[in-house]
Amino acid sequence: MKRVRHPVAGLLTFPHETPAVTADQEQALVVHTPEPGSKTAERPALLGSRTSPVAAERA
């Protein structure tokens, strides 16, 4: 379980998978995907709904 504290979204919790990369034994692909319906799954929408200062200046 990976936990990340974001300054706006708060605590985000991601289960992770590490599928085997057969082409190179020294590399790994780690995939963090939030559980469907969890608070972590809902929070990216919260971040997307906020207007960044850069976006507001360009408008």
Protein backbone atom coordinates (compact mmCIF):
# COMPACT_ATOMS: atom_id res chain seq x y z
CA MET A 1 0.00 0.00 0.00
CA LYS A 2 1.41 3.40 -0.97
CA ARG A 3 0.27 6.46 0.98
CA VAL A 4 0.85 9.98 -0.30
CA ARG A 5 -0.11 13.20 1.48
CA HIS A 6 -1.09 15.83 -1.09
CA PRO A 7 -1.30 19.48 0.09
CA VAL A 8 -4.81 19.94 -1.35
CA ALA A 9 -6.31 16.45 -1.71
CA GLY A 10 -5.04 15.14 1.64
CA LEU A 11 -4.07 11.54 2.27
CA LEU A 12 -4.23 9.33 -0.84
CA THR A 13 -3.92 5.55 -0.52
CA PHE A 14 -2.99 3.36 -3.47
CA PRO A 15 -2.71 -0.41 -3.65
CA HIS A 16 -0.03 -1.36 -6.16
CA GLU A 17 0.90 -4.07 -8.61
CA THR A 18 4.35 -4.87 -9.93
CA PRO A 19 3.99 -6.92 -13.13
CA ALA A 20 7.09 -8.74 -14.34
CA VAL A 21 9.07 -7.04 -17.09
CA THR A 22 10.63 -9.94 -18.95
CA ALA A 23 12.78 -7.87 -21.34
CA ASP A 24 15.01 -6.50 -18.57
CA GLN A 25 15.34 -8.11 -15.15
CA GLU A 26 16.72 -4.88 -13.63
CA GLN A 27 13.60 -2.85 -14.40
CA ALA A 28 10.14 -2.96 -12.84
CA LEU A 29 6.86 -1.33 -13.68
CA VAL A 30 4.88 -0.29 -10.61
CA VAL A 31 1.21 0.60 -11.12
CA HIS A 32 -0.69 2.51 -8.41
CA THR A 33 -4.47 2.46 -8.93
CA PRO A 34 -7.01 3.71 -6.38
CA GLU A 35 -9.78 1.37 -5.24
CA PRO A 36 -13.02 2.16 -7.14
CA GLY A 37 -15.40 4.23 -5.02
CA SER A 38 -12.72 5.18 -2.48
CA LYS A 39 -11.94 8.73 -1.36
CA THR A 40 -8.62 8.43 -3.20
CA ALA A 41 -10.50 7.66 -6.44
CA GLU A 42 -12.69 10.75 -5.99
CA ARG A 43 -9.95 13.24 -5.13
CA PRO A 44 -8.36 13.68 -8.60
CA ALA A 45 -11.71 15.13 -9.72
CA LEU A 46 -11.45 17.60 -6.82
CA LEU A 47 -8.00 18.64 -8.01
CA GLY A 48 -9.20 18.94 -11.61
CA SER A 49 -12.05 21.22 -10.56
CA ARG A 50 -9.70 23.74 -8.95
CA THR A 51 -8.45 26.62 -11.08
CA SER A 52 -4.71 26.97 -10.97
CA PRO A 53 -3.23 30.49 -10.91
CA VAL A 54 -1.46 29.77 -14.21
CA ALA A 55 -4.71 28.67 -15.88
CA ALA A 56 -6.51 31.75 -14.54
CA GLU A 57 -3.82 34.07 -15.97
CA ARG A 58 -4.11 32.50 -19.42
CA ALA A 59 -7.90 32.83 -19.54
